Amino acid sequence: MPISVAYGDADCVVVDKPAGMPSHPLKPPRGDSALEAVCELYPEVARASNNPLEGGLVHRLDTGTSGLLVFARTPGAYLKLREAFSQGLIDKTYIALVEGKLEQDCVIDFPIAHHPKNKAKMLAITPKHKYFRGQAKPARTEVIVMSQSGLISQVRLQIQGGRRHQIRVHLAAIGHPLVGDTLYGAQPITWRPGHALHADSITLPNGHKIVSDCTNFQNRS
């Protein structure tokens, strides 16, 4: 399982996960997840938490999302990094391609809840939505337009909240779903095994900023 290591120190390792690769296995042994690939290179990551299916994984990316993913190498680092993520102390940015011409920068702050009928989907709660499952939780997505080409816009994103499918459901709610995100109404694509979302930078609590390669997106926008 080829995976690119973007950064490593005594506490953690940051890898560049390709689209189509799960962050961790749902059932062992799966054999194709980022966690398993990292553990082949850094066996101690498997023992960084008490959960054998997650090991030192401190956050997740959807299978169809590519980009930077952080793994702790020790139990102490795992607890510190998980806390930093939960408190919003980790700065992350994303690059995405969206359908349609997004004319200006915007902030999307619809709360997010589980879809009332489809367990695979989340729902951005706008005034027209009366039914949803569970509790709607606050979420904020900042969108900066980078470029436009035809009916596709390239955007940079920063989020607060970190809800499941947050970027995907927020962009779909304003009529600009991620390119390739068929779950939320976009047309399918063939040039990558997933939707066009890439976690392109992350700043760790030690102040170190890691930047991923976005060439694939720049060539498609």
N, C-alpha and C. Protein backbone atom coordinates (compact mmCIF):
# COMPACT_ATOMS: atom_id res chain seq x y z
N MET A 1 0.85 -1.19 0.00
CA MET A 1 0.00 0.00 0.00
C MET A 1 0.89 1.24 0.00
N PRO A 2 1.10 1.85 -1.16
CA PRO A 2 1.97 3.03 -1.18
C PRO A 2 1.30 4.22 -0.50
N ILE A 3 2.04 4.88 0.37
CA ILE A 3 1.54 6.08 1.02
C ILE A 3 2.72 7.00 1.26
N SER A 4 2.52 8.29 1.06
CA SER A 4 3.60 9.26 1.14
C SER A 4 3.65 9.88 2.53
N VAL A 5 4.82 9.85 3.15
CA VAL A 5 5.01 10.47 4.46
C VAL A 5 5.42 11.92 4.25
N ALA A 6 4.60 12.83 4.79
CA ALA A 6 4.85 14.26 4.60
C ALA A 6 5.65 14.86 5.74
N TYR A 7 5.58 14.25 6.94
CA TYR A 7 6.27 14.80 8.11
C TYR A 7 6.31 13.74 9.19
N GLY A 8 7.36 13.78 10.01
CA GLY A 8 7.43 12.88 11.15
C GLY A 8 8.33 13.44 12.24
N ASP A 9 7.94 13.22 13.49
CA ASP A 9 8.80 13.54 14.62
C ASP A 9 8.56 12.48 15.70
N ALA A 10 9.04 12.71 16.91
CA ALA A 10 8.93 11.70 17.96
C ALA A 10 7.49 11.46 18.39
N ASP A 11 6.61 12.43 18.15
CA ASP A 11 5.23 12.33 18.62
C ASP A 11 4.25 11.84 17.56
N CYS A 12 4.50 12.20 16.30
CA CYS A 12 3.49 11.91 15.29
C CYS A 12 4.11 11.72 13.91
N VAL A 13 3.29 11.21 13.01
CA VAL A 13 3.65 11.12 11.60
C VAL A 13 2.45 11.61 10.80
N VAL A 14 2.72 12.41 9.77
CA VAL A 14 1.67 12.96 8.91
C VAL A 14 1.87 12.37 7.51
N VAL A 15 0.82 11.76 6.98
CA VAL A 15 0.91 11.15 5.66
C VAL A 15 -0.04 11.83 4.70
N ASP A 16 0.22 11.64 3.42
CA ASP A 16 -0.62 12.19 2.36
C ASP A 16 -1.47 11.05 1.81
N LYS A 17 -2.70 10.96 2.28
CA LYS A 17 -3.58 9.84 1.92
C LYS A 17 -4.16 10.03 0.52
N PRO A 18 -4.09 9.02 -0.33
CA PRO A 18 -4.72 9.14 -1.65
C PRO A 18 -6.24 9.00 -1.56
N ALA A 19 -6.96 9.56 -2.51
CA ALA A 19 -8.40 9.36 -2.60
C ALA A 19 -8.70 7.89 -2.84
N GLY A 20 -9.76 7.40 -2.21
CA GLY A 20 -10.14 6.01 -2.36
C GLY A 20 -9.61 5.10 -1.27
N MET A 21 -8.73 5.61 -0.41
CA MET A 21 -8.18 4.81 0.68
C MET A 21 -8.89 5.18 1.99
N PRO A 22 -9.46 4.21 2.71
CA PRO A 22 -10.08 4.50 4.01
C PRO A 22 -9.03 4.97 5.02
N SER A 23 -9.44 5.80 5.95
CA SER A 23 -8.51 6.24 7.00
C SER A 23 -8.12 5.09 7.92
N HIS A 24 -9.08 4.22 8.22
CA HIS A 24 -8.82 3.07 9.09
C HIS A 24 -9.78 1.95 8.72
N PRO A 25 -9.47 0.71 9.08
CA PRO A 25 -10.36 -0.40 8.74
C PRO A 25 -11.57 -0.44 9.67
N LEU A 26 -12.73 -0.77 9.13
CA LEU A 26 -13.92 -0.94 9.97
C LEU A 26 -13.91 -2.32 10.63
N LYS A 27 -13.34 -3.30 9.93
CA LYS A 27 -13.22 -4.63 10.49
C LYS A 27 -11.82 -5.16 10.16
N PRO A 28 -11.15 -5.80 11.09
CA PRO A 28 -9.81 -6.33 10.79
C PRO A 28 -9.91 -7.71 10.15
N PRO A 29 -8.90 -8.09 9.33
CA PRO A 29 -7.96 -7.16 8.70
C PRO A 29 -8.50 -6.72 7.36
N ARG A 30 -8.50 -5.45 7.09
CA ARG A 30 -8.98 -4.95 5.80
C ARG A 30 -7.85 -4.93 4.78
N GLY A 31 -6.70 -4.37 5.18
CA GLY A 31 -5.52 -4.45 4.34
C GLY A 31 -5.29 -3.30 3.39
N ASP A 32 -6.24 -2.35 3.31
CA ASP A 32 -6.06 -1.27 2.34
C ASP A 32 -6.25 0.11 2.95
N SER A 33 -6.16 0.23 4.27
CA SER A 33 -6.41 1.51 4.93
C SER A 33 -5.11 2.26 5.20
N ALA A 34 -5.26 3.56 5.43
CA ALA A 34 -4.10 4.39 5.75
C ALA A 34 -3.45 3.94 7.05
N LEU A 35 -4.26 3.58 8.05
CA LEU A 35 -3.70 3.12 9.32
C LEU A 35 -2.79 1.92 9.12
N GLU A 36 -3.25 0.94 8.34
CA GLU A 36 -2.45 -0.26 8.13
C GLU A 36 -1.17 0.05 7.36
N ALA A 37 -1.25 0.98 6.40
CA ALA A 37 -0.06 1.37 5.66
C ALA A 37 0.95 2.06 6.57
N VAL A 38 0.46 2.93 7.45
CA VAL A 38 1.35 3.64 8.38
C VAL A 38 1.98 2.67 9.37
N CYS A 39 1.20 1.70 9.85
CA CYS A 39 1.73 0.75 10.83
C CYS A 39 2.82 -0.14 10.25
N GLU A 40 2.81 -0.35 8.93
CA GLU A 40 3.90 -1.09 8.32
C GLU A 40 5.21 -0.32 8.42
N LEU A 41 5.13 1.01 8.40
CA LEU A 41 6.32 1.84 8.48
C LEU A 41 6.66 2.22 9.92
N TYR A 42 5.62 2.41 10.74
CA TYR A 42 5.78 2.84 12.13
C TYR A 42 4.93 1.92 13.01
N PRO A 43 5.42 0.74 13.38
CA PRO A 43 4.61 -0.23 14.12
C PRO A 43 4.06 0.30 15.45
N GLU A 44 4.75 1.26 16.05
CA GLU A 44 4.31 1.80 17.34
C GLU A 44 2.97 2.54 17.24
N VAL A 45 2.61 2.99 16.03
CA VAL A 45 1.33 3.70 15.85
C VAL A 45 0.16 2.80 16.23
N ALA A 46 0.28 1.49 16.02
CA ALA A 46 -0.80 0.56 16.34
C ALA A 46 -1.08 0.52 17.84
N ARG A 47 -0.09 0.89 18.67
CA ARG A 47 -0.23 0.80 20.12
C ARG A 47 -0.45 2.16 20.78
N ALA A 48 -0.69 3.19 19.98
CA ALA A 48 -0.82 4.53 20.55
C ALA A 48 -2.16 4.77 21.22
N SER A 49 -3.16 3.92 20.96
CA SER A 49 -4.43 3.99 21.68
C SER A 49 -4.87 2.57 21.99
N ASN A 50 -5.97 2.46 22.74
CA ASN A 50 -6.48 1.14 23.11
C ASN A 50 -7.40 0.54 22.06
N ASN A 51 -7.66 1.28 20.98
CA ASN A 51 -8.56 0.80 19.94
C ASN A 51 -7.74 0.23 18.78
N PRO A 52 -7.75 -1.08 18.59
CA PRO A 52 -6.92 -1.67 17.53
C PRO A 52 -7.36 -1.29 16.12
N LEU A 53 -8.61 -0.83 15.97
CA LEU A 53 -9.08 -0.43 14.64
C LEU A 53 -8.68 1.00 14.30
N GLU A 54 -8.23 1.77 15.27
CA GLU A 54 -7.84 3.16 15.02
C GLU A 54 -6.39 3.44 15.37
N GLY A 55 -5.80 2.68 16.29
CA GLY A 55 -4.41 2.91 16.66
C GLY A 55 -4.19 4.37 17.03
N GLY A 56 -3.17 4.99 16.42
CA GLY A 56 -2.84 6.38 16.71
C GLY A 56 -3.53 7.39 15.82
N LEU A 57 -4.54 6.98 15.06
CA LEU A 57 -5.26 7.92 14.21
C LEU A 57 -5.96 8.96 15.08
N VAL A 58 -5.66 10.24 14.88
CA VAL A 58 -6.23 11.27 15.76
C VAL A 58 -7.33 12.08 15.09
N HIS A 59 -7.55 11.91 13.79
CA HIS A 59 -8.69 12.50 13.09
C HIS A 59 -8.92 11.67 11.84
N ARG A 60 -9.96 11.98 11.09
CA ARG A 60 -10.30 11.17 9.93
C ARG A 60 -10.50 12.02 8.69
N LEU A 61 -10.30 11.40 7.55
CA LEU A 61 -10.73 11.93 6.27
C LEU A 61 -11.66 10.91 5.62
N ASP A 62 -12.70 11.38 4.94
CA ASP A 62 -13.56 10.46 4.20
C ASP A 62 -12.73 9.66 3.20
N THR A 63 -13.19 8.48 2.87
CA THR A 63 -12.46 7.63 1.92
C THR A 63 -12.20 8.36 0.61
N GLY A 64 -13.17 9.13 0.13
CA GLY A 64 -13.02 9.84 -1.13
C GLY A 64 -12.20 11.11 -1.06
N THR A 65 -11.81 11.53 0.14
CA THR A 65 -11.01 12.74 0.33
C THR A 65 -9.54 12.38 0.39
N SER A 66 -8.70 13.12 -0.30
CA SER A 66 -7.26 12.91 -0.24
C SER A 66 -6.63 13.96 0.68
N GLY A 67 -5.34 13.75 1.00
CA GLY A 67 -4.62 14.78 1.73
C GLY A 67 -4.04 14.35 3.06
N LEU A 68 -3.70 15.33 3.88
CA LEU A 68 -2.89 15.14 5.07
C LEU A 68 -3.69 14.52 6.22
N LEU A 69 -3.11 13.47 6.80
CA LEU A 69 -3.74 12.71 7.87
C LEU A 69 -2.69 12.49 8.97
N VAL A 70 -3.08 12.72 10.23
CA VAL A 70 -2.13 12.71 11.35
C VAL A 70 -2.31 11.46 12.20
N PHE A 71 -1.18 10.82 12.55
CA PHE A 71 -1.17 9.66 13.43
C PHE A 71 -0.21 9.91 14.59
N ALA A 72 -0.64 9.61 15.80
CA ALA A 72 0.24 9.70 16.96
C ALA A 72 1.11 8.45 17.06
N ARG A 73 2.31 8.62 17.61
CA ARG A 73 3.22 7.50 17.73
C ARG A 73 3.31 6.96 19.16
N THR A 74 2.78 7.71 20.13
CA THR A 74 2.81 7.29 21.53
C THR A 74 1.45 7.55 22.16
N PRO A 75 1.11 6.85 23.25
CA PRO A 75 -0.16 7.12 23.93
C PRO A 75 -0.27 8.55 24.43
N GLY A 76 0.82 9.12 24.94
CA GLY A 76 0.77 10.50 25.42
C GLY A 76 0.50 11.49 24.29
N ALA A 77 1.17 11.29 23.17
CA ALA A 77 0.94 12.17 22.02
C ALA A 77 -0.47 12.00 21.48
N TYR A 78 -1.00 10.78 21.52
CA TYR A 78 -2.36 10.54 21.05
C TYR A 78 -3.36 11.37 21.85
N LEU A 79 -3.25 11.35 23.18
CA LEU A 79 -4.18 12.10 24.03
C LEU A 79 -4.06 13.60 23.78
N LYS A 80 -2.85 14.10 23.65
CA LYS A 80 -2.64 15.54 23.43
C LYS A 80 -3.18 15.98 22.08
N LEU A 81 -2.91 15.20 21.05
CA LEU A 81 -3.36 15.57 19.71
C LEU A 81 -4.88 15.46 19.58
N ARG A 82 -5.47 14.43 20.16
CA ARG A 82 -6.93 14.30 20.13
C ARG A 82 -7.58 15.50 20.82
N GLU A 83 -7.01 15.91 21.93
CA GLU A 83 -7.56 17.07 22.65
C GLU A 83 -7.40 18.33 21.81
N ALA A 84 -6.26 18.50 21.17
CA ALA A 84 -6.03 19.68 20.33
C ALA A 84 -7.03 19.73 19.17
N PHE A 85 -7.30 18.59 18.56
CA PHE A 85 -8.29 18.54 17.47
C PHE A 85 -9.69 18.87 17.99
N SER A 86 -10.06 18.29 19.14
CA SER A 86 -11.40 18.49 19.67
C SER A 86 -11.63 19.94 20.09
N GLN A 87 -10.58 20.64 20.48
CA GLN A 87 -10.69 22.04 20.89
C GLN A 87 -10.49 23.02 19.74
N GLY A 88 -10.29 22.50 18.53
CA GLY A 88 -10.10 23.37 17.38
C GLY A 88 -8.77 24.08 17.35
N LEU A 89 -7.75 23.49 17.98
CA LEU A 89 -6.43 24.13 18.05
C LEU A 89 -5.53 23.74 16.89
N ILE A 90 -5.99 22.83 16.05
CA ILE A 90 -5.23 22.40 14.87
C ILE A 90 -5.77 23.14 13.66
N ASP A 91 -4.93 23.91 13.01
CA ASP A 91 -5.35 24.69 11.84
C ASP A 91 -5.22 23.83 10.59
N LYS A 92 -6.35 23.63 9.87
CA LYS A 92 -6.35 22.83 8.65
C LYS A 92 -6.98 23.63 7.52
N THR A 93 -6.47 23.45 6.31
CA THR A 93 -7.10 24.02 5.13
C THR A 93 -7.29 22.94 4.08
N TYR A 94 -8.27 23.16 3.23
CA TYR A 94 -8.60 22.21 2.17
C TYR A 94 -8.66 22.95 0.84
N ILE A 95 -8.39 22.21 -0.24
CA ILE A 95 -8.61 22.67 -1.60
C ILE A 95 -9.71 21.81 -2.21
N ALA A 96 -10.63 22.42 -2.94
CA ALA A 96 -11.71 21.64 -3.54
C ALA A 96 -12.08 22.20 -4.89
N LEU A 97 -12.66 21.35 -5.72
CA LEU A 97 -13.32 21.77 -6.95
C LEU A 97 -14.82 21.59 -6.73
N VAL A 98 -15.59 22.62 -7.07
CA VAL A 98 -17.03 22.55 -6.89
C VAL A 98 -17.73 22.79 -8.22
N GLU A 99 -18.92 22.25 -8.34
CA GLU A 99 -19.71 22.46 -9.54
C GLU A 99 -20.27 23.88 -9.56
N GLY A 100 -20.26 24.49 -10.74
CA GLY A 100 -20.86 25.81 -10.91
C GLY A 100 -19.88 26.94 -10.67
N LYS A 101 -20.29 28.14 -11.03
CA LYS A 101 -19.49 29.34 -10.85
C LYS A 101 -19.82 29.96 -9.50
N LEU A 102 -18.91 29.81 -8.56
CA LEU A 102 -19.07 30.44 -7.26
C LEU A 102 -18.50 31.85 -7.38
N GLU A 103 -19.35 32.84 -7.30
CA GLU A 103 -18.98 34.21 -7.66
C GLU A 103 -18.15 34.93 -6.61
N GLN A 104 -18.31 34.59 -5.33
CA GLN A 104 -17.60 35.34 -4.30
C GLN A 104 -17.36 34.48 -3.07
N ASP A 105 -16.40 34.94 -2.24
CA ASP A 105 -16.12 34.26 -1.00
C ASP A 105 -17.38 34.25 -0.12
N CYS A 106 -17.48 33.25 0.74
CA CYS A 106 -18.65 33.18 1.61
C CYS A 106 -18.33 32.38 2.86
N VAL A 107 -19.22 32.49 3.82
CA VAL A 107 -19.17 31.69 5.04
C VAL A 107 -20.49 30.92 5.14
N ILE A 108 -20.39 29.61 5.32
CA ILE A 108 -21.58 28.75 5.46
C ILE A 108 -21.63 28.29 6.91
N ASP A 109 -22.71 28.61 7.59
CA ASP A 109 -22.78 28.27 9.01
C ASP A 109 -24.06 27.52 9.39
N PHE A 110 -24.60 26.74 8.45
CA PHE A 110 -25.76 25.91 8.76
C PHE A 110 -25.37 24.81 9.77
N PRO A 111 -26.17 24.58 10.80
CA PRO A 111 -25.94 23.41 11.67
C PRO A 111 -26.06 22.13 10.86
N ILE A 112 -25.46 21.06 11.35
CA ILE A 112 -25.45 19.79 10.63
C ILE A 112 -26.02 18.68 11.51
N ALA A 113 -26.87 17.86 10.91
CA ALA A 113 -27.47 16.71 11.62
C ALA A 113 -27.51 15.52 10.67
N HIS A 114 -27.91 14.37 11.20
CA HIS A 114 -28.04 13.18 10.36
C HIS A 114 -29.30 13.27 9.51
N HIS A 115 -29.19 12.79 8.29
CA HIS A 115 -30.33 12.77 7.38
C HIS A 115 -31.44 11.89 7.97
N PRO A 116 -32.70 12.30 7.85
CA PRO A 116 -33.79 11.54 8.49
C PRO A 116 -34.04 10.16 7.88
N LYS A 117 -33.62 9.93 6.62
CA LYS A 117 -33.92 8.66 5.96
C LYS A 117 -32.67 7.91 5.51
N ASN A 118 -31.65 8.62 5.07
CA ASN A 118 -30.46 7.99 4.51
C ASN A 118 -29.32 8.03 5.53
N LYS A 119 -28.94 6.87 6.09
CA LYS A 119 -27.92 6.82 7.12
C LYS A 119 -26.53 7.20 6.60
N ALA A 120 -26.34 7.14 5.29
CA ALA A 120 -25.05 7.48 4.71
C ALA A 120 -24.84 8.98 4.58
N LYS A 121 -25.92 9.77 4.73
CA LYS A 121 -25.86 11.20 4.46
C LYS A 121 -26.03 12.03 5.73
N MET A 122 -25.48 13.25 5.65
CA MET A 122 -25.73 14.26 6.65
C MET A 122 -26.60 15.34 6.01
N LEU A 123 -27.08 16.27 6.84
CA LEU A 123 -28.00 17.28 6.35
C LEU A 123 -27.63 18.64 6.94
N ALA A 124 -27.51 19.65 6.08
CA ALA A 124 -27.32 21.03 6.53
C ALA A 124 -28.70 21.59 6.87
N ILE A 125 -28.88 22.01 8.09
CA ILE A 125 -30.21 22.42 8.56
C ILE A 125 -30.46 23.87 8.19
N THR A 126 -31.25 24.07 7.16
CA THR A 126 -31.69 25.39 6.72
C THR A 126 -33.15 25.57 7.17
N PRO A 127 -33.71 26.78 7.05
CA PRO A 127 -35.09 26.99 7.50
C PRO A 127 -36.11 26.04 6.89
N LYS A 128 -35.82 25.49 5.69
CA LYS A 128 -36.80 24.61 5.05
C LYS A 128 -36.80 23.20 5.62
N HIS A 129 -35.78 22.86 6.42
CA HIS A 129 -35.69 21.50 6.94
C HIS A 129 -36.34 21.40 8.33
N LYS A 130 -37.35 20.57 8.42
CA LYS A 130 -38.04 20.37 9.68
C LYS A 130 -37.71 19.01 10.31
N TYR A 131 -37.20 18.09 9.50
CA TYR A 131 -36.99 16.74 10.00
C TYR A 131 -35.53 16.33 9.81
N PHE A 132 -34.96 15.78 10.87
CA PHE A 132 -33.61 15.25 10.83
C PHE A 132 -33.43 14.34 12.05
N ARG A 133 -32.38 13.54 12.02
CA ARG A 133 -32.12 12.62 13.13
C ARG A 133 -31.09 13.20 14.08
N GLY A 134 -31.29 12.96 15.37
CA GLY A 134 -30.33 13.40 16.36
C GLY A 134 -30.36 14.89 16.58
N GLN A 135 -29.27 15.40 17.12
CA GLN A 135 -29.16 16.82 17.44
C GLN A 135 -28.37 17.55 16.36
N ALA A 136 -28.89 18.68 15.92
CA ALA A 136 -28.16 19.50 14.95
C ALA A 136 -27.02 20.22 15.67
N LYS A 137 -25.81 20.09 15.15
CA LYS A 137 -24.63 20.66 15.81
C LYS A 137 -24.06 21.81 14.98
N PRO A 138 -23.56 22.85 15.65
CA PRO A 138 -23.05 24.01 14.91
C PRO A 138 -21.84 23.65 14.06
N ALA A 139 -21.72 24.31 12.92
CA ALA A 139 -20.59 24.09 12.00
C ALA A 139 -20.40 25.35 11.16
N ARG A 140 -19.17 25.64 10.85
CA ARG A 140 -18.85 26.85 10.07
C ARG A 140 -17.79 26.50 9.03
N THR A 141 -18.05 26.85 7.79
CA THR A 141 -17.11 26.61 6.70
C THR A 141 -16.84 27.92 5.96
N GLU A 142 -15.58 28.32 5.94
CA GLU A 142 -15.18 29.54 5.22
C GLU A 142 -14.69 29.14 3.83
N VAL A 143 -15.22 29.80 2.82
CA VAL A 143 -14.94 29.46 1.43
C VAL A 143 -14.30 30.65 0.72
N ILE A 144 -13.11 30.44 0.16
CA ILE A 144 -12.42 31.48 -0.61
C ILE A 144 -12.27 31.00 -2.05
N VAL A 145 -12.79 31.78 -2.98
CA VAL A 145 -12.71 31.42 -4.40
C VAL A 145 -11.30 31.67 -4.91
N MET A 146 -10.69 30.66 -5.51
CA MET A 146 -9.33 30.77 -6.03
C MET A 146 -9.32 31.00 -7.54
N SER A 147 -10.16 30.26 -8.27
CA SER A 147 -10.19 30.39 -9.72
C SER A 147 -11.47 29.76 -10.25
N GLN A 148 -11.77 30.05 -11.53
CA GLN A 148 -12.93 29.47 -12.20
C GLN A 148 -12.53 29.05 -13.60
N SER A 149 -13.10 27.95 -14.04
CA SER A 149 -12.86 27.47 -15.40
C SER A 149 -14.12 26.77 -15.88
N GLY A 150 -14.79 27.37 -16.83
CA GLY A 150 -16.05 26.80 -17.29
C GLY A 150 -17.07 26.79 -16.17
N LEU A 151 -17.60 25.61 -15.90
CA LEU A 151 -18.60 25.46 -14.85
C LEU A 151 -18.02 24.83 -13.59
N ILE A 152 -16.73 25.03 -13.36
CA ILE A 152 -16.07 24.51 -12.17
C ILE A 152 -15.32 25.65 -11.48
N SER A 153 -15.42 25.71 -10.16
CA SER A 153 -14.69 26.69 -9.36
C SER A 153 -13.73 25.96 -8.44
N GLN A 154 -12.51 26.49 -8.31
CA GLN A 154 -11.57 25.97 -7.34
C GLN A 154 -11.61 26.86 -6.11
N VAL A 155 -11.74 26.26 -4.93
CA VAL A 155 -11.89 27.02 -3.69
C VAL A 155 -10.93 26.51 -2.63
N ARG A 156 -10.62 27.39 -1.69
CA ARG A 156 -9.88 27.02 -0.49
C ARG A 156 -10.85 27.10 0.68
N LEU A 157 -10.76 26.14 1.59
CA LEU A 157 -11.73 26.03 2.67
C LEU A 157 -11.05 25.89 4.03
N GLN A 158 -11.68 26.47 5.04
CA GLN A 158 -11.26 26.29 6.42
C GLN A 158 -12.52 26.06 7.24
N ILE A 159 -12.46 25.10 8.16
CA ILE A 159 -13.68 24.74 8.87
C ILE A 159 -13.53 24.90 10.38
N GLN A 160 -14.66 25.10 11.02
CA GLN A 160 -14.79 25.03 12.47
C GLN A 160 -15.94 24.08 12.76
N GLY A 161 -15.72 23.16 13.66
CA GLY A 161 -16.75 22.18 14.00
C GLY A 161 -16.31 20.77 13.69
N GLY A 162 -15.81 20.54 12.48
CA GLY A 162 -15.33 19.21 12.11
C GLY A 162 -16.41 18.15 12.13
N ARG A 163 -17.62 18.50 11.68
CA ARG A 163 -18.71 17.53 11.65
C ARG A 163 -18.53 16.55 10.50
N ARG A 164 -19.17 15.40 10.62
CA ARG A 164 -19.12 14.41 9.55
C ARG A 164 -19.64 15.02 8.25
N HIS A 165 -18.86 14.89 7.17
CA HIS A 165 -19.21 15.38 5.84
C HIS A 165 -19.43 16.89 5.81
N GLN A 166 -18.84 17.63 6.74
CA GLN A 166 -19.16 19.06 6.87
C GLN A 166 -18.98 19.83 5.57
N ILE A 167 -17.80 19.74 4.98
CA ILE A 167 -17.55 20.50 3.75
C ILE A 167 -18.49 20.03 2.64
N ARG A 168 -18.67 18.75 2.51
CA ARG A 168 -19.50 18.19 1.45
C ARG A 168 -20.94 18.68 1.55
N VAL A 169 -21.51 18.58 2.74
CA VAL A 169 -22.91 18.93 2.91
C VAL A 169 -23.13 20.44 2.88
N HIS A 170 -22.16 21.22 3.38
CA HIS A 170 -22.29 22.68 3.33
C HIS A 170 -22.26 23.19 1.90
N LEU A 171 -21.33 22.69 1.10
CA LEU A 171 -21.24 23.15 -0.29
C LEU A 171 -22.46 22.72 -1.10
N ALA A 172 -22.94 21.52 -0.85
CA ALA A 172 -24.15 21.08 -1.54
C ALA A 172 -25.35 21.94 -1.16
N ALA A 173 -25.38 22.40 0.09
CA ALA A 173 -26.51 23.19 0.57
C ALA A 173 -26.62 24.54 -0.13
N ILE A 174 -25.49 25.07 -0.63
CA ILE A 174 -25.54 26.35 -1.35
C ILE A 174 -25.55 26.16 -2.86
N GLY A 175 -25.77 24.91 -3.30
CA GLY A 175 -25.91 24.63 -4.72
C GLY A 175 -24.61 24.42 -5.46
N HIS A 176 -23.50 24.17 -4.73
CA HIS A 176 -22.20 23.95 -5.36
C HIS A 176 -21.53 22.71 -4.76
N PRO A 177 -22.08 21.52 -5.05
CA PRO A 177 -21.49 20.31 -4.47
C PRO A 177 -20.08 20.07 -5.00
N LEU A 178 -19.30 19.33 -4.23
CA LEU A 178 -17.97 18.94 -4.68
C LEU A 178 -18.07 18.19 -6.00
N VAL A 179 -17.16 18.48 -6.91
CA VAL A 179 -17.07 17.73 -8.16
C VAL A 179 -16.88 16.24 -7.81
N GLY A 180 -17.74 15.41 -8.39
CA GLY A 180 -17.64 13.97 -8.17
C GLY A 180 -18.38 13.44 -6.96
N ASP A 181 -18.99 14.31 -6.16
CA ASP A 181 -19.65 13.87 -4.92
C ASP A 181 -21.10 13.46 -5.22
N THR A 182 -21.25 12.26 -5.76
CA THR A 182 -22.57 11.81 -6.19
C THR A 182 -23.54 11.64 -5.02
N LEU A 183 -23.02 11.41 -3.80
CA LEU A 183 -23.90 11.27 -2.64
C LEU A 183 -24.69 12.55 -2.39
N TYR A 184 -24.08 13.69 -2.75
CA TYR A 184 -24.73 14.98 -2.50
C TYR A 184 -25.11 15.70 -3.79
N GLY A 185 -25.37 14.92 -4.85
CA GLY A 185 -26.00 15.48 -6.03
C GLY A 185 -25.10 15.87 -7.18
N ALA A 186 -23.78 15.64 -7.09
CA ALA A 186 -22.88 16.01 -8.19
C ALA A 186 -22.81 14.88 -9.22
N GLN A 187 -22.28 15.22 -10.40
CA GLN A 187 -22.08 14.24 -11.44
C GLN A 187 -20.83 13.41 -11.14
N PRO A 188 -20.80 12.14 -11.54
CA PRO A 188 -19.62 11.30 -11.29
C PRO A 188 -18.42 11.74 -12.12
N ILE A 189 -17.23 11.41 -11.65
CA ILE A 189 -15.99 11.69 -12.36
C ILE A 189 -15.21 10.40 -12.50
N THR A 190 -14.24 10.40 -13.44
CA THR A 190 -13.43 9.20 -13.66
C THR A 190 -11.95 9.44 -13.37
N TRP A 191 -11.55 10.70 -13.12
CA TRP A 191 -10.12 10.98 -13.00
C TRP A 191 -9.57 10.76 -11.60
N ARG A 192 -10.44 10.44 -10.63
CA ARG A 192 -9.97 10.04 -9.30
C ARG A 192 -11.06 9.22 -8.63
N PRO A 193 -10.70 8.32 -7.71
CA PRO A 193 -11.69 7.46 -7.06
C PRO A 193 -12.33 8.13 -5.85
N GLY A 194 -13.01 9.22 -6.10
CA GLY A 194 -13.65 9.94 -5.00
C GLY A 194 -14.06 11.32 -5.46
N HIS A 195 -14.43 12.15 -4.51
CA HIS A 195 -14.81 13.52 -4.82
C HIS A 195 -13.59 14.44 -4.78
N ALA A 196 -13.73 15.63 -5.32
CA ALA A 196 -12.58 16.53 -5.49
C ALA A 196 -12.36 17.40 -4.26
N LEU A 197 -11.91 16.75 -3.19
CA LEU A 197 -11.59 17.44 -1.94
C LEU A 197 -10.24 16.95 -1.44
N HIS A 198 -9.37 17.89 -1.09
CA HIS A 198 -8.00 17.56 -0.70
C HIS A 198 -7.60 18.37 0.52
N ALA A 199 -7.18 17.69 1.59
CA ALA A 199 -6.68 18.35 2.80
C ALA A 199 -5.24 18.78 2.54
N ASP A 200 -5.05 20.07 2.25
CA ASP A 200 -3.76 20.47 1.68
C ASP A 200 -2.78 21.06 2.68
N SER A 201 -3.21 21.47 3.87
CA SER A 201 -2.24 21.96 4.85
C SER A 201 -2.75 21.72 6.26
N ILE A 202 -1.80 21.57 7.19
CA ILE A 202 -2.14 21.40 8.60
C ILE A 202 -1.02 21.98 9.44
N THR A 203 -1.38 22.69 10.50
CA THR A 203 -0.41 23.25 11.42
C THR A 203 -0.54 22.56 12.76
N LEU A 204 0.51 21.89 13.19
CA LEU A 204 0.49 21.11 14.42
C LEU A 204 0.64 22.01 15.65
N PRO A 205 0.33 21.49 16.84
CA PRO A 205 0.47 22.31 18.06
C PRO A 205 1.88 22.86 18.29
N ASN A 206 2.90 22.17 17.73
CA ASN A 206 4.27 22.67 17.88
C ASN A 206 4.60 23.80 16.90
N GLY A 207 3.59 24.23 16.12
CA GLY A 207 3.79 25.33 15.19
C GLY A 207 4.27 24.92 13.82
N HIS A 208 4.57 23.64 13.64
CA HIS A 208 5.08 23.20 12.33
C HIS A 208 3.92 23.08 11.35
N LYS A 209 4.06 23.72 10.19
CA LYS A 209 3.04 23.66 9.15
C LYS A 209 3.48 22.73 8.04
N ILE A 210 2.61 21.79 7.70
CA ILE A 210 2.88 20.85 6.61
C ILE A 210 1.96 21.18 5.46
N VAL A 211 2.50 21.25 4.26
CA VAL A 211 1.73 21.58 3.06
C VAL A 211 1.83 20.42 2.08
N SER A 212 0.68 20.01 1.55
CA SER A 212 0.62 18.91 0.61
C SER A 212 0.70 19.42 -0.83
N ASP A 213 0.93 18.50 -1.75
CA ASP A 213 0.99 18.82 -3.18
C ASP A 213 -0.42 18.83 -3.77
N CYS A 214 -0.83 19.97 -4.34
CA CYS A 214 -2.17 20.10 -4.93
C CYS A 214 -2.13 20.12 -6.45
N THR A 215 -1.06 19.64 -7.06
CA THR A 215 -0.90 19.72 -8.51
C THR A 215 -2.06 19.07 -9.24
N ASN A 216 -2.56 17.97 -8.70
CA ASN A 216 -3.65 17.25 -9.36
C ASN A 216 -4.89 18.13 -9.50
N PHE A 217 -5.16 18.94 -8.49
CA PHE A 217 -6.31 19.84 -8.55
C PHE A 217 -6.05 21.00 -9.49
N GLN A 218 -4.86 21.54 -9.43
CA GLN A 218 -4.54 22.68 -10.29
C GLN A 218 -4.63 22.31 -11.76
N ASN A 219 -4.32 21.06 -12.09
CA ASN A 219 -4.38 20.62 -13.47
C ASN A 219 -5.81 20.36 -13.93
N ARG A 220 -6.74 20.20 -12.99
CA ARG A 220 -8.13 19.88 -13.33
C ARG A 220 -9.04 21.08 -13.31
N SER A 221 -8.62 22.18 -12.68
CA SER A 221 -9.50 23.35 -12.54
C SER A 221 -9.38 24.26 -13.73
